[in-house]
């Protein structure tokens, strides 16, 4: 079975060589054929992870059937991101293995895998709720106090292009029953962008 190893270090004191050797050894022990070793350095809180993007492209192209990572928190910025990535990996028939958590999530799933994903989904939902709460509070402050520039608040939005990390916000607001106009207003983007995101989400 073809597999890829992915590892991200966020601080200079982490030994990338040791992690690579451990991941390769674990892959061999499982009888996996490692075709890609992807490593990168950077903060998981930022959207500067070309290595992870390349890994997910291998998954979508079905060039690998397994992914081995050092730890779960290396596979996304937050619980929402991690859960979304894992669900996509499994949807494309790929097994996800995290060494630190002794986790192996196969595409077909089992009782343990479904339990773990259920727990992760709960954390992700909690995080979505916090994002919505912060968004509402931010909008409320803007309506009460106006913009920093002192300009009037209303429909004079500076529309910005939605980033990939905003897609979860769009989905969460949609599930609340809000229409494209309201979602666009809350996220400061155009209705066309919201419709495009909703079309991709399905």
Protein backbone atom coordinates (compact mmCIF):
# COMPACT_ATOMS: atom_id res chain seq x y z
CA UNK A 1 0.00 0.00 0.00
CA UNK A 2 1.45 3.37 -1.04
CA UNK A 3 1.75 5.90 1.75
CA UNK A 4 2.98 9.41 2.48
CA UNK A 5 4.64 10.73 5.61
CA UNK A 6 3.79 14.23 6.72
CA UNK A 7 5.53 16.11 9.50
CA UNK A 8 5.48 19.77 10.52
CA UNK A 9 7.71 21.31 13.16
CA UNK A 10 6.68 24.59 14.72
CA UNK A 11 9.78 25.41 16.78
CA UNK A 12 13.50 25.22 16.14
CA UNK A 13 14.18 22.83 19.04
CA UNK A 14 12.19 19.97 17.51
CA UNK A 15 14.33 17.33 15.83
CA UNK A 16 12.92 16.79 12.38
CA UNK A 17 15.39 14.01 11.53
CA UNK A 18 14.40 11.90 14.51
CA UNK A 19 10.70 12.33 13.70
CA UNK A 20 11.29 11.36 10.07
CA UNK A 21 13.14 8.18 11.03
CA UNK A 22 10.43 7.22 13.53
CA UNK A 23 7.68 7.77 10.97
CA UNK A 24 9.55 5.76 8.31
CA UNK A 25 10.15 2.93 10.76
CA UNK A 26 6.46 2.82 11.72
CA UNK A 27 5.43 2.81 8.06
CA UNK A 28 7.77 -0.11 7.32
CA UNK A 29 6.47 -1.99 10.36
CA UNK A 30 2.97 -1.68 8.94
CA UNK A 31 4.10 -2.90 5.52
CA UNK A 32 3.52 0.46 3.82
CA UNK A 33 5.44 1.63 0.75
CA UNK A 34 6.44 5.24 1.43
CA UNK A 35 6.38 7.15 -1.86
CA UNK A 36 6.38 10.70 -0.46
CA UNK A 37 8.03 12.29 2.57
CA UNK A 38 6.65 15.79 3.14
CA UNK A 39 8.14 18.01 5.82
CA UNK A 40 7.72 21.67 6.58
CA UNK A 41 8.40 24.22 9.28
CA UNK A 42 5.91 26.84 10.36
CA UNK A 43 3.10 27.76 12.68
CA UNK A 44 -0.04 25.66 12.45
CA UNK A 45 -2.07 28.76 13.26
CA UNK A 46 -1.11 30.32 9.94
CA UNK A 47 -2.25 29.32 6.50
CA UNK A 48 1.33 28.83 5.25
CA UNK A 49 1.41 25.06 4.85
CA UNK A 50 2.29 24.23 1.24
CA UNK A 51 3.39 20.77 2.36
CA UNK A 52 -0.04 19.91 3.73
CA UNK A 53 -1.69 21.29 0.61
CA UNK A 54 0.55 19.07 -1.52
CA UNK A 55 -0.29 16.08 0.68
CA UNK A 56 -4.03 16.65 0.29
CA UNK A 57 -3.58 16.91 -3.47
CA UNK A 58 -1.95 13.44 -3.45
CA UNK A 59 -5.02 12.20 -1.56
CA UNK A 60 -7.45 13.72 -4.07
CA UNK A 61 -5.48 12.25 -6.96
CA UNK A 62 -5.63 8.86 -5.18
CA UNK A 63 -1.87 8.44 -5.46
CA UNK A 64 -1.58 7.25 -1.86
CA UNK A 65 -3.68 5.00 0.36
CA UNK A 66 -2.29 5.94 3.79
CA UNK A 67 -0.92 8.95 5.64
CA UNK A 68 1.38 8.70 8.67
CA UNK A 69 1.80 11.75 10.91
CA UNK A 70 3.62 12.33 14.18
CA UNK A 71 0.69 13.84 16.07
CA UNK A 72 -2.91 14.82 15.45
CA UNK A 73 -2.31 18.53 16.07
CA UNK A 74 0.15 18.60 13.17
CA UNK A 75 -2.67 17.94 10.69
CA UNK A 76 -4.52 21.23 11.00
CA UNK A 77 -4.76 24.67 12.61
CA UNK A 78 -7.56 23.74 15.00
CA UNK A 79 -10.09 21.00 15.71
CA UNK A 80 -12.33 22.12 12.83
CA UNK A 81 -9.44 22.03 10.38
CA UNK A 82 -8.18 18.65 11.62
CA UNK A 83 -11.62 17.05 11.44
CA UNK A 84 -12.25 18.45 7.95
CA UNK A 85 -8.91 17.15 6.69
CA UNK A 86 -9.41 13.68 8.17
CA UNK A 87 -12.93 13.39 6.77
CA UNK A 88 -11.61 14.29 3.31
CA UNK A 89 -8.76 11.76 3.63
CA UNK A 90 -11.20 8.98 4.48
CA UNK A 91 -13.63 10.06 1.77
CA UNK A 92 -10.93 9.42 -0.82
CA UNK A 93 -10.26 5.94 0.54
CA UNK A 94 -7.13 6.80 2.50
CA UNK A 95 -6.15 5.58 5.99
CA UNK A 96 -4.98 8.18 8.53
CA UNK A 97 -2.40 7.18 11.17
CA UNK A 98 -1.27 9.42 14.06
CA UNK A 99 1.56 7.90 16.12
CA UNK A 100 1.35 9.95 19.29
CA UNK A 101 -2.36 9.22 19.76
CA UNK A 102 -2.00 5.57 18.61
CA UNK A 103 -4.77 6.35 16.16
CA UNK A 104 -5.58 4.57 12.92
CA UNK A 105 -8.67 5.72 11.05
CA UNK A 106 -9.57 3.58 8.05
CA UNK A 107 -11.92 4.70 5.26
CA UNK A 108 -14.50 2.02 6.07
CA UNK A 109 -14.42 2.97 9.75
CA UNK A 110 -15.14 0.93 12.86
CA UNK A 111 -16.69 1.51 16.28
CA UNK A 112 -13.51 3.01 17.78
CA UNK A 113 -12.83 5.24 14.77
CA UNK A 114 -16.39 6.52 14.76
CA UNK A 115 -16.18 7.25 18.49
CA UNK A 116 -12.96 9.23 18.05
CA UNK A 117 -14.38 11.17 15.15
CA UNK A 118 -17.53 11.83 17.16
CA UNK A 119 -15.45 13.33 19.96
CA UNK A 120 -13.48 15.40 17.46
CA UNK A 121 -16.71 16.56 15.84
CA UNK A 122 -17.98 17.72 19.25
CA UNK A 123 -14.84 19.79 19.80
CA UNK A 124 -15.16 21.17 16.27
CA UNK A 125 -18.78 22.17 16.88
CA UNK A 126 -17.77 23.85 20.14
CA UNK A 127 -15.15 25.81 18.22
CA UNK A 128 -17.70 26.79 15.56
CA UNK A 129 -20.01 28.06 18.31
CA UNK A 130 -17.20 30.18 19.74
CA UNK A 131 -16.46 31.61 16.28
CA UNK A 132 -20.13 32.50 15.79
CA UNK A 133 -20.26 34.11 19.23
CA UNK A 134 -17.16 36.20 18.51
CA UNK A 135 -18.58 37.18 15.12
CA UNK A 136 -21.86 38.32 16.66
CA UNK A 137 -20.06 40.28 19.37
CA UNK A 138 -17.81 41.91 16.80
CA UNK A 139 -20.76 42.94 14.66
CA UNK A 140 -22.55 44.27 17.72
CA UNK A 141 -19.53 46.42 18.68
CA UNK A 142 -19.29 47.77 15.15
CA UNK A 143 -22.97 48.70 15.10
CA UNK A 144 -22.69 50.43 18.49
CA UNK A 145 -19.40 52.25 18.04
CA UNK A 146 -18.88 52.47 14.28
CA UNK A 147 -15.74 51.62 12.35
CA UNK A 148 -12.22 52.57 13.48
CA UNK A 149 -12.06 55.12 10.68
CA UNK A 150 -15.23 56.80 11.89
CA UNK A 151 -17.11 56.06 8.67
CA UNK A 152 -20.76 55.19 8.86
CA UNK A 153 -21.74 51.57 9.27
CA UNK A 154 -24.29 50.07 6.97
CA UNK A 155 -23.97 48.51 3.55
CA UNK A 156 -20.67 50.21 2.78
CA UNK A 157 -18.74 46.96 3.18
CA UNK A 158 -15.29 46.48 1.82
CA UNK A 159 -15.88 43.08 0.25
CA UNK A 160 -13.02 40.62 0.66
CA UNK A 161 -12.47 37.26 -0.99
CA UNK A 162 -13.34 34.33 1.24
CA UNK A 163 -10.37 32.23 2.29
CA UNK A 164 -10.56 28.45 2.68
CA UNK A 165 -10.63 28.76 6.46
CA UNK A 166 -13.87 30.82 6.20
CA UNK A 167 -15.78 28.00 4.55
CA UNK A 168 -16.66 26.49 7.95
CA UNK A 169 -18.11 29.86 9.00
CA UNK A 170 -20.29 29.94 5.89
CA UNK A 171 -21.48 26.39 6.53
CA UNK A 172 -22.22 27.13 10.20
CA UNK A 173 -24.21 30.27 9.39
CA UNK A 174 -26.14 28.40 6.70
CA UNK A 175 -27.11 25.70 9.20
CA UNK A 176 -28.52 28.47 11.39
CA UNK A 177 -30.95 29.13 8.57
CA UNK A 178 -29.40 32.36 7.38
CA UNK A 179 -29.60 33.31 3.71
CA UNK A 180 -26.77 34.31 1.43
CA UNK A 181 -27.42 38.03 1.96
CA UNK A 182 -27.15 37.74 5.75
CA UNK A 183 -24.07 35.49 5.56
CA UNK A 184 -22.34 37.90 3.19
CA UNK A 185 -23.14 40.80 5.53
CA UNK A 186 -21.72 39.03 8.58
CA UNK A 187 -18.54 37.88 6.83
CA UNK A 188 -17.99 41.08 4.85
CA UNK A 189 -17.97 39.41 1.44
CA UNK A 190 -20.17 39.34 -1.65
CA UNK A 191 -23.22 37.10 -2.03
CA UNK A 192 -21.61 35.57 -5.11
CA UNK A 193 -18.69 34.33 -3.00
CA UNK A 194 -21.10 32.86 -0.46
CA UNK A 195 -23.04 31.07 -3.22
CA UNK A 196 -19.81 29.67 -4.64
CA UNK A 197 -18.78 28.31 -1.24
CA UNK A 198 -22.20 26.77 -0.65
CA UNK A 199 -22.04 25.12 -4.05
CA UNK A 200 -18.69 23.52 -3.18
CA UNK A 201 -19.93 22.42 0.23
CA UNK A 202 -23.00 20.87 -1.38
